[in-house]
Amino acid sequence: MNDVKRFSTLLDLLNYKENIPSYHRGNLIHAIMDFAASTGDVELEESCQREIERIKAKNSSYSQD
């Protein structure tokens, strides 16, 4: 399973949805990223970092409206 699919499957299993407040989504992704770092899972850690950046960018676009 490729890294993007693995990350997507993980989020599906955790019922991760866009309608959940970004604060809670960010906390979840940070927790997964910490776990990935502690187990040496660089690919998962990078996927988490990309998702965090996506959340930040989306929040930033809302604040500029």
N, C-alpha and C. Protein backbone atom coordinates (compact mmCIF):
# COMPACT_ATOMS: atom_id res chain seq x y z
N MET A 1 0.86 -1.18 0.00
CA MET A 1 0.00 0.00 0.00
C MET A 1 0.90 1.24 0.00
N ASN A 2 0.61 2.18 -0.92
CA ASN A 2 1.46 3.37 -0.96
C ASN A 2 1.15 4.29 0.22
N ASP A 3 2.03 5.24 0.44
CA ASP A 3 1.94 6.09 1.63
C ASP A 3 0.68 6.95 1.66
N VAL A 4 0.29 7.49 0.51
CA VAL A 4 -0.91 8.32 0.47
C VAL A 4 -2.14 7.48 0.79
N LYS A 5 -2.22 6.30 0.21
CA LYS A 5 -3.35 5.41 0.47
C LYS A 5 -3.37 4.97 1.93
N ARG A 6 -2.21 4.68 2.48
CA ARG A 6 -2.13 4.25 3.89
C ARG A 6 -2.61 5.37 4.82
N PHE A 7 -2.18 6.60 4.55
CA PHE A 7 -2.60 7.74 5.37
C PHE A 7 -4.11 7.96 5.23
N SER A 8 -4.60 7.89 4.01
CA SER A 8 -6.04 8.07 3.76
C SER A 8 -6.85 6.99 4.47
N THR A 9 -6.40 5.76 4.42
CA THR A 9 -7.09 4.66 5.09
C THR A 9 -7.10 4.87 6.60
N LEU A 10 -5.99 5.31 7.15
CA LEU A 10 -5.90 5.60 8.58
C LEU A 10 -6.92 6.67 8.98
N LEU A 11 -7.00 7.74 8.20
CA LEU A 11 -7.96 8.80 8.51
C LEU A 11 -9.39 8.31 8.39
N ASP A 12 -9.67 7.46 7.41
CA ASP A 12 -11.01 6.88 7.27
C ASP A 12 -11.37 6.05 8.50
N LEU A 13 -10.43 5.24 8.97
CA LEU A 13 -10.68 4.41 10.15
C LEU A 13 -10.96 5.25 11.40
N LEU A 14 -10.38 6.43 11.45
CA LEU A 14 -10.58 7.32 12.59
C LEU A 14 -11.77 8.26 12.40
N ASN A 15 -12.50 8.07 11.30
CA ASN A 15 -13.68 8.88 10.99
C ASN A 15 -13.34 10.37 10.88
N TYR A 16 -12.19 10.65 10.29
CA TYR A 16 -11.70 12.02 10.08
C TYR A 16 -12.53 12.67 8.99
N LYS A 17 -13.18 13.76 9.31
CA LYS A 17 -14.04 14.46 8.36
C LYS A 17 -13.73 15.95 8.36
N GLU A 18 -13.95 16.59 7.22
CA GLU A 18 -13.71 18.03 7.09
C GLU A 18 -14.61 18.86 8.00
N ASN A 19 -15.80 18.34 8.34
CA ASN A 19 -16.72 19.13 9.15
C ASN A 19 -16.36 19.15 10.64
N ILE A 20 -15.37 18.38 11.03
CA ILE A 20 -14.86 18.42 12.40
C ILE A 20 -14.01 19.68 12.51
N PRO A 21 -14.14 20.44 13.59
CA PRO A 21 -13.37 21.68 13.72
C PRO A 21 -11.87 21.46 13.50
N SER A 22 -11.25 22.42 12.83
CA SER A 22 -9.84 22.28 12.47
C SER A 22 -8.95 22.09 13.70
N TYR A 23 -9.32 22.66 14.83
CA TYR A 23 -8.54 22.49 16.05
C TYR A 23 -8.46 21.01 16.42
N HIS A 24 -9.57 20.32 16.36
CA HIS A 24 -9.60 18.89 16.72
C HIS A 24 -8.89 18.04 15.66
N ARG A 25 -9.08 18.38 14.39
CA ARG A 25 -8.38 17.66 13.33
C ARG A 25 -6.87 17.84 13.48
N GLY A 26 -6.46 19.07 13.78
CA GLY A 26 -5.03 19.35 13.96
C GLY A 26 -4.44 18.58 15.13
N ASN A 27 -5.19 18.52 16.24
CA ASN A 27 -4.72 17.75 17.40
C ASN A 27 -4.55 16.28 17.06
N LEU A 28 -5.52 15.72 16.33
CA LEU A 28 -5.43 14.32 15.94
C LEU A 28 -4.22 14.07 15.06
N ILE A 29 -4.03 14.92 14.06
CA ILE A 29 -2.91 14.74 13.13
C ILE A 29 -1.58 14.92 13.86
N HIS A 30 -1.50 15.87 14.78
CA HIS A 30 -0.27 16.04 15.56
C HIS A 30 0.03 14.79 16.40
N ALA A 31 -1.01 14.20 16.98
CA ALA A 31 -0.81 12.98 17.78
C ALA A 31 -0.31 11.84 16.90
N ILE A 32 -0.89 11.70 15.72
CA ILE A 32 -0.43 10.65 14.79
C ILE A 32 1.01 10.94 14.37
N MET A 33 1.32 12.20 14.11
CA MET A 33 2.68 12.56 13.70
C MET A 33 3.68 12.26 14.81
N ASP A 34 3.33 12.55 16.06
CA ASP A 34 4.21 12.23 17.18
C ASP A 34 4.46 10.73 17.27
N PHE A 35 3.39 9.95 17.10
CA PHE A 35 3.53 8.49 17.13
C PHE A 35 4.42 8.02 15.99
N ALA A 36 4.20 8.57 14.80
CA ALA A 36 5.01 8.19 13.64
C ALA A 36 6.48 8.51 13.89
N ALA A 37 6.75 9.67 14.46
CA ALA A 37 8.13 10.05 14.76
C ALA A 37 8.76 9.11 15.77
N SER A 38 7.98 8.73 16.78
CA SER A 38 8.53 7.86 17.83
C SER A 38 8.81 6.45 17.34
N THR A 39 8.14 6.05 16.26
CA THR A 39 8.36 4.71 15.72
C THR A 39 9.22 4.72 14.46
N GLY A 40 9.69 5.91 14.08
CA GLY A 40 10.57 6.02 12.92
C GLY A 40 9.86 5.89 11.58
N ASP A 41 8.56 6.15 11.56
CA ASP A 41 7.78 6.05 10.33
C ASP A 41 7.80 7.40 9.62
N VAL A 42 8.86 7.63 8.86
CA VAL A 42 9.09 8.91 8.21
C VAL A 42 7.98 9.25 7.21
N GLU A 43 7.53 8.26 6.46
CA GLU A 43 6.50 8.50 5.45
C GLU A 43 5.20 8.98 6.09
N LEU A 44 4.78 8.34 7.18
CA LEU A 44 3.57 8.75 7.87
C LEU A 44 3.75 10.14 8.49
N GLU A 45 4.91 10.38 9.03
CA GLU A 45 5.20 11.69 9.62
C GLU A 45 5.10 12.79 8.55
N GLU A 46 5.64 12.53 7.37
CA GLU A 46 5.57 13.51 6.28
C GLU A 46 4.14 13.71 5.81
N SER A 47 3.36 12.65 5.75
CA SER A 47 1.94 12.77 5.37
C SER A 47 1.19 13.64 6.37
N CYS A 48 1.49 13.45 7.64
CA CYS A 48 0.86 14.27 8.68
C CYS A 48 1.26 15.73 8.52
N GLN A 49 2.52 15.96 8.25
CA GLN A 49 2.98 17.34 8.09
C GLN A 49 2.27 18.01 6.92
N ARG A 50 2.08 17.29 5.82
CA ARG A 50 1.36 17.86 4.68
C ARG A 50 -0.09 18.19 5.04
N GLU A 51 -0.73 17.31 5.82
CA GLU A 51 -2.11 17.56 6.23
C GLU A 51 -2.19 18.76 7.16
N ILE A 52 -1.25 18.91 8.06
CA ILE A 52 -1.22 20.07 8.95
C ILE A 52 -1.07 21.36 8.13
N GLU A 53 -0.19 21.33 7.14
CA GLU A 53 -0.01 22.50 6.28
C GLU A 53 -1.29 22.80 5.51
N ARG A 54 -2.00 21.77 5.07
CA ARG A 54 -3.26 21.95 4.35
C ARG A 54 -4.30 22.61 5.26
N ILE A 55 -4.39 22.14 6.51
CA ILE A 55 -5.33 22.72 7.47
C ILE A 55 -4.99 24.19 7.72
N LYS A 56 -3.70 24.48 7.91
CA LYS A 56 -3.28 25.86 8.15
C LYS A 56 -3.62 26.75 6.97
N ALA A 57 -3.37 26.27 5.77
CA ALA A 57 -3.67 27.06 4.57
C ALA A 57 -5.16 27.33 4.44
N LYS A 58 -5.95 26.33 4.73
CA LYS A 58 -7.40 26.50 4.65
C LYS A 58 -7.88 27.51 5.70
N ASN A 59 -7.36 27.41 6.91
CA ASN A 59 -7.72 28.37 7.96
C ASN A 59 -7.28 29.78 7.58
N SER A 60 -6.12 29.89 6.98
CA SER A 60 -5.60 31.18 6.57
C SER A 60 -6.49 31.80 5.50
N SER A 61 -6.97 30.99 4.58
CA SER A 61 -7.84 31.52 3.52
C SER A 61 -9.16 32.00 4.10
N TYR A 62 -9.66 31.35 5.16
CA TYR A 62 -10.89 31.79 5.80
C TYR A 62 -10.69 33.12 6.51
N SER A 63 -9.54 33.30 7.12
CA SER A 63 -9.30 34.53 7.89
C SER A 63 -9.08 35.74 6.98
N GLN A 64 -8.77 35.51 5.72
CA GLN A 64 -8.55 36.61 4.78
C GLN A 64 -9.85 37.05 4.11
N ASP A 65 -10.91 36.29 4.28
CA ASP A 65 -12.20 36.64 3.66
C ASP A 65 -12.90 37.74 4.41
